[in-house]
């Protein structure tokens, strides 16, 4: 959007993707992963949270409610845990989230996978 506004900037300093080709209809949006992690917080008595989004699927590791797998297209309000019905996808997303968490902690930054 900065390019569309005509702003000058150093692209290497930005964390994100140029959406202008998609907005102009010159390219389609490519699906990508979204990973997030909230570390444990002793004072708030909160454990570690992990999340991974791949397309319509979302994996969540909650210190309170355990592990969840949602299909956001079919269940946008995240009411139904599909982990037992989709064990292969659940296992793949679980491994990927834990791998990304390990990489993040080892490097101090998340390396984009796009």
C-alpha atoms as a PDB file:
ATOM      1  CA  UNK A   1       0.000   0.000   0.000  1.00  0.00           C
ATOM      2  CA  UNK A   2       2.960   2.307   0.579  1.00  0.00           C
ATOM      3  CA  UNK A   3       3.881   1.937  -3.116  1.00  0.00           C
ATOM      4  CA  UNK A   4       0.335   2.768  -4.146  1.00  0.00           C
ATOM      5  CA  UNK A   5       0.530   5.970  -2.092  1.00  0.00           C
ATOM      6  CA  UNK A   6       3.807   6.879  -3.807  1.00  0.00           C
ATOM      7  CA  UNK A   7       5.838   6.747  -0.605  1.00  0.00           C
ATOM      8  CA  UNK A   8       9.585   6.238  -0.841  1.00  0.00           C
ATOM      9  CA  UNK A   9      11.033   3.706   1.562  1.00  0.00           C
ATOM     10  CA  UNK A  10      13.644   0.996   1.968  1.00  0.00           C
ATOM     11  CA  UNK A  11      11.812  -2.261   1.200  1.00  0.00           C
ATOM     12  CA  UNK A  12      14.334  -4.332   3.149  1.00  0.00           C
ATOM     13  CA  UNK A  13      13.216  -2.610   6.365  1.00  0.00           C
ATOM     14  CA  UNK A  14       9.559  -3.604   5.960  1.00  0.00           C
ATOM     15  CA  UNK A  15       7.991  -6.789   7.266  1.00  0.00           C
ATOM     16  CA  UNK A  16       5.318  -7.669   4.774  1.00  0.00           C
ATOM     17  CA  UNK A  17       4.400  -8.240   1.156  1.00  0.00           C
ATOM     18  CA  UNK A  18       3.611  -5.825  -1.663  1.00  0.00           C
ATOM     19  CA  UNK A  19      -0.142  -6.190  -2.286  1.00  0.00           C
ATOM     20  CA  UNK A  20      -0.296  -3.761  -5.201  1.00  0.00           C
ATOM     21  CA  UNK A  21      -0.100  -6.475  -7.935  1.00  0.00           C
ATOM     22  CA  UNK A  22      -2.995  -8.326  -6.276  1.00  0.00           C
ATOM     23  CA  UNK A  23      -5.067  -5.154  -5.934  1.00  0.00           C
ATOM     24  CA  UNK A  24      -4.463  -4.318  -9.608  1.00  0.00           C
ATOM     25  CA  UNK A  25      -5.506  -7.838 -10.643  1.00  0.00           C
ATOM     26  CA  UNK A  26      -2.035  -8.583 -12.006  1.00  0.00           C
ATOM     27  CA  UNK A  27      -1.390 -11.476  -9.629  1.00  0.00           C
ATOM     28  CA  UNK A  28      -3.433 -13.680  -7.352  1.00  0.00           C
ATOM     29  CA  UNK A  29      -2.831 -13.804  -3.636  1.00  0.00           C
ATOM     30  CA  UNK A  30      -0.680 -16.778  -2.756  1.00  0.00           C
ATOM     31  CA  UNK A  31      -1.751 -18.646   0.386  1.00  0.00           C
ATOM     32  CA  UNK A  32       0.835 -18.526   3.121  1.00  0.00           C
ATOM     33  CA  UNK A  33       1.259 -19.620   6.688  1.00  0.00           C
ATOM     34  CA  UNK A  34       0.677 -17.439   9.688  1.00  0.00           C
ATOM     35  CA  UNK A  35       2.421 -18.444  12.915  1.00  0.00           C
ATOM     36  CA  UNK A  36       2.165 -16.762  16.297  1.00  0.00           C
ATOM     37  CA  UNK A  37       3.410 -17.476  19.766  1.00  0.00           C
ATOM     38  CA  UNK A  38       2.686 -15.907  23.125  1.00  0.00           C
ATOM     39  CA  UNK A  39       5.249 -16.813  25.718  1.00  0.00           C
ATOM     40  CA  UNK A  40       4.526 -17.866  29.258  1.00  0.00           C
ATOM     41  CA  UNK A  41       3.925 -15.078  31.753  1.00  0.00           C
ATOM     42  CA  UNK A  42       4.456 -15.960  35.419  1.00  0.00           C
ATOM     43  CA  UNK A  43       2.796 -12.872  36.886  1.00  0.00           C
ATOM     44  CA  UNK A  44      -0.335 -13.402  34.804  1.00  0.00           C
ATOM     45  CA  UNK A  45      -0.212 -17.157  35.447  1.00  0.00           C
ATOM     46  CA  UNK A  46      -0.352 -17.755  31.718  1.00  0.00           C
ATOM     47  CA  UNK A  47       1.394 -20.574  29.908  1.00  0.00           C
ATOM     48  CA  UNK A  48       2.695 -20.601  26.345  1.00  0.00           C
ATOM     49  CA  UNK A  49       0.272 -20.257  23.414  1.00  0.00           C
ATOM     50  CA  UNK A  50       1.067 -21.346  19.849  1.00  0.00           C
ATOM     51  CA  UNK A  51      -0.985 -20.858  16.724  1.00  0.00           C
ATOM     52  CA  UNK A  52      -0.625 -21.764  13.057  1.00  0.00           C
ATOM     53  CA  UNK A  53      -2.929 -20.889  10.183  1.00  0.00           C
ATOM     54  CA  UNK A  54      -2.688 -22.679   6.829  1.00  0.00           C
ATOM     55  CA  UNK A  55      -5.488 -21.725   4.449  1.00  0.00           C
ATOM     56  CA  UNK A  56      -8.804 -22.533   6.127  1.00  0.00           C
ATOM     57  CA  UNK A  57      -7.128 -24.577   8.866  1.00  0.00           C
ATOM     58  CA  UNK A  58      -6.021 -23.287  12.261  1.00  0.00           C
ATOM     59  CA  UNK A  59      -4.012 -25.143  14.926  1.00  0.00           C
ATOM     60  CA  UNK A  60      -3.939 -23.746  18.475  1.00  0.00           C
ATOM     61  CA  UNK A  61      -1.991 -24.906  21.524  1.00  0.00           C
ATOM     62  CA  UNK A  62      -3.589 -23.335  24.595  1.00  0.00           C
ATOM     63  CA  UNK A  63      -2.171 -23.747  28.107  1.00  0.00           C
ATOM     64  CA  UNK A  64      -5.744 -23.828  29.409  1.00  0.00           C
ATOM     65  CA  UNK A  65      -7.693 -25.860  26.840  1.00  0.00           C
ATOM     66  CA  UNK A  66      -5.007 -28.011  25.208  1.00  0.00           C
ATOM     67  CA  UNK A  67      -4.659 -28.473  21.458  1.00  0.00           C
ATOM     68  CA  UNK A  68      -7.285 -27.590  18.887  1.00  0.00           C
ATOM     69  CA  UNK A  69      -7.732 -27.893  15.145  1.00  0.00           C
ATOM     70  CA  UNK A  70     -10.358 -25.804  13.388  1.00  0.00           C
ATOM     71  CA  UNK A  71     -11.610 -25.516   9.829  1.00  0.00           C
ATOM     72  CA  UNK A  72     -12.433 -21.808   9.719  1.00  0.00           C
ATOM     73  CA  UNK A  73     -14.462 -22.024   6.523  1.00  0.00           C
ATOM     74  CA  UNK A  74     -16.864 -24.541   8.065  1.00  0.00           C
ATOM     75  CA  UNK A  75     -16.564 -23.250  11.653  1.00  0.00           C
ATOM     76  CA  UNK A  76     -15.676 -19.528  11.703  1.00  0.00           C
ATOM     77  CA  UNK A  77     -16.481 -19.244  15.435  1.00  0.00           C
ATOM     78  CA  UNK A  78     -14.044 -22.036  16.380  1.00  0.00           C
ATOM     79  CA  UNK A  79     -16.523 -24.216  18.239  1.00  0.00           C
ATOM     80  CA  UNK A  80     -15.605 -27.696  16.974  1.00  0.00           C
ATOM     81  CA  UNK A  81     -12.217 -29.290  17.644  1.00  0.00           C
ATOM     82  CA  UNK A  82     -11.429 -31.462  14.609  1.00  0.00           C
ATOM     83  CA  UNK A  83      -8.132 -32.862  15.920  1.00  0.00           C
ATOM     84  CA  UNK A  84      -9.415 -36.428  16.350  1.00  0.00           C
ATOM     85  CA  UNK A  85     -11.282 -36.485  13.007  1.00  0.00           C
ATOM     86  CA  UNK A  86      -8.313 -35.050  11.059  1.00  0.00           C
ATOM     87  CA  UNK A  87      -5.349 -36.663  12.771  1.00  0.00           C
ATOM     88  CA  UNK A  88      -3.027 -36.380   9.777  1.00  0.00           C
ATOM     89  CA  UNK A  89      -3.584 -32.630   9.329  1.00  0.00           C
ATOM     90  CA  UNK A  90      -3.503 -32.118  13.101  1.00  0.00           C
ATOM     91  CA  UNK A  91      -0.152 -33.909  13.378  1.00  0.00           C
ATOM     92  CA  UNK A  92       1.328 -32.039  10.409  1.00  0.00           C
ATOM     93  CA  UNK A  93       0.271 -28.635  11.721  1.00  0.00           C
ATOM     94  CA  UNK A  94       1.353 -29.488  15.268  1.00  0.00           C
ATOM     95  CA  UNK A  95       4.829 -30.492  14.092  1.00  0.00           C
ATOM     96  CA  UNK A  96       5.106 -27.388  11.891  1.00  0.00           C
ATOM     97  CA  UNK A  97       4.087 -25.022  14.712  1.00  0.00           C
ATOM     98  CA  UNK A  98       6.524 -26.605  17.163  1.00  0.00           C
ATOM     99  CA  UNK A  99       9.288 -26.492  14.525  1.00  0.00           C
ATOM    100  CA  UNK A 100       8.602 -22.813  13.850  1.00  0.00           C
ATOM    101  CA  UNK A 101       8.624 -22.093  17.586  1.00  0.00           C
ATOM    102  CA  UNK A 102      11.984 -23.838  17.948  1.00  0.00           C
ATOM    103  CA  UNK A 103      13.432 -21.917  14.966  1.00  0.00           C
ATOM    104  CA  UNK A 104      12.130 -18.652  16.374  1.00  0.00           C
ATOM    105  CA  UNK A 105      13.736 -19.234  19.754  1.00  0.00           C
ATOM    106  CA  UNK A 106      17.040 -20.330  18.198  1.00  0.00           C
ATOM    107  CA  UNK A 107      17.322 -17.385  15.801  1.00  0.00           C
ATOM    108  CA  UNK A 108      15.498 -14.609  17.608  1.00  0.00           C
ATOM    109  CA  UNK A 109      13.366 -13.978  14.520  1.00  0.00           C
ATOM    110  CA  UNK A 110      10.852 -15.827  12.365  1.00  0.00           C
ATOM    111  CA  UNK A 111      12.059 -16.660   8.881  1.00  0.00           C
ATOM    112  CA  UNK A 112       9.229 -16.231   6.339  1.00  0.00           C
ATOM    113  CA  UNK A 113       8.383 -19.367   4.391  1.00  0.00           C
ATOM    114  CA  UNK A 114       7.218 -17.557   1.241  1.00  0.00           C
END
